[in-house]
């Protein structure tokens, strides 16, 4: 996996079978995560990058989506 986008694509393939509403994590990734870290190498992503993503989501008055974004990673 060269980029976070590649990693997400691989992870999301499993969501299509596993999640009833697999379009939701795709939407969150596409709108909120990919613009910030999508083209980065996974090893280059820092805590600061993750905090910025969560801050951006929370500042857009979507705190539930910020929580969901964290959960997607831990429920894979």
Protein backbone atom coordinates (compact mmCIF):
# COMPACT_ATOMS: atom_id res chain seq x y z
CA UNK A 1 0.00 0.00 0.00
CA UNK A 2 1.63 3.20 -1.15
CA UNK A 3 -0.90 5.74 0.11
CA UNK A 4 -3.66 6.07 2.68
CA UNK A 5 -6.08 6.07 -0.27
CA UNK A 6 -4.77 2.61 -1.23
CA UNK A 7 -5.12 1.40 2.34
CA UNK A 8 -8.68 2.72 2.55
CA UNK A 9 -9.65 1.07 -0.74
CA UNK A 10 -8.37 -2.28 0.52
CA UNK A 11 -10.13 -1.88 3.90
CA UNK A 12 -13.38 -0.68 2.35
CA UNK A 13 -13.71 -3.74 0.09
CA UNK A 14 -14.55 -5.73 3.23
CA UNK A 15 -17.13 -3.15 4.28
CA UNK A 16 -19.26 -3.78 1.23
CA UNK A 17 -20.05 -7.28 2.47
CA UNK A 18 -19.87 -6.53 6.22
CA UNK A 19 -21.80 -3.25 6.59
CA UNK A 20 -25.40 -2.63 5.63
CA UNK A 21 -24.65 1.06 4.99
CA UNK A 22 -21.13 0.77 3.60
CA UNK A 23 -21.57 4.06 1.76
CA UNK A 24 -21.29 6.00 5.05
CA UNK A 25 -17.60 5.30 5.78
CA UNK A 26 -16.89 5.89 2.08
CA UNK A 27 -18.55 9.29 2.30
CA UNK A 28 -16.69 10.26 5.48
CA UNK A 29 -13.39 9.16 3.99
CA UNK A 30 -13.96 10.93 0.68
CA UNK A 31 -15.19 14.18 2.19
CA UNK A 32 -13.17 14.52 5.39
CA UNK A 33 -10.15 12.25 5.47
CA UNK A 34 -8.82 11.85 1.93
CA UNK A 35 -8.32 15.60 1.34
CA UNK A 36 -6.01 15.75 4.36
CA UNK A 37 -4.05 12.48 4.25
CA UNK A 38 -5.23 10.47 1.25
CA UNK A 39 -2.06 10.93 -0.81
CA UNK A 40 0.29 10.45 2.14
CA UNK A 41 2.16 7.25 2.88
CA UNK A 42 0.51 5.58 5.88
CA UNK A 43 3.76 5.65 7.84
CA UNK A 44 3.97 9.44 7.39
CA UNK A 45 0.59 10.16 9.01
CA UNK A 46 1.01 11.74 12.43
CA UNK A 47 -1.22 12.25 15.44
CA UNK A 48 -1.36 15.90 14.46
CA UNK A 49 -2.85 14.91 11.07
CA UNK A 50 -5.53 12.82 12.78
CA UNK A 51 -6.33 15.61 15.25
CA UNK A 52 -6.68 18.04 12.34
CA UNK A 53 -9.14 15.74 10.59
CA UNK A 54 -11.21 15.36 13.76
CA UNK A 55 -11.06 19.10 14.43
CA UNK A 56 -12.20 19.87 10.89
CA UNK A 57 -15.17 17.54 11.26
CA UNK A 58 -16.11 18.86 14.71
CA UNK A 59 -15.86 22.48 13.52
CA UNK A 60 -18.33 21.65 10.77
CA UNK A 61 -20.85 20.90 13.54
CA UNK A 62 -20.69 17.14 12.99
CA UNK A 63 -19.26 15.76 16.24
CA UNK A 64 -20.98 12.41 15.73
CA UNK A 65 -19.14 11.99 12.43
CA UNK A 66 -15.85 12.69 14.25
CA UNK A 67 -16.65 9.83 16.65
CA UNK A 68 -17.65 7.59 13.75
CA UNK A 69 -14.38 8.35 11.95
CA UNK A 70 -12.46 7.09 14.98
CA UNK A 71 -14.63 3.99 15.31
CA UNK A 72 -14.22 2.92 11.69
CA UNK A 73 -10.56 2.30 12.37
CA UNK A 74 -11.11 0.29 15.53
CA UNK A 75 -13.94 -1.86 14.17
CA UNK A 76 -12.12 -3.21 11.14
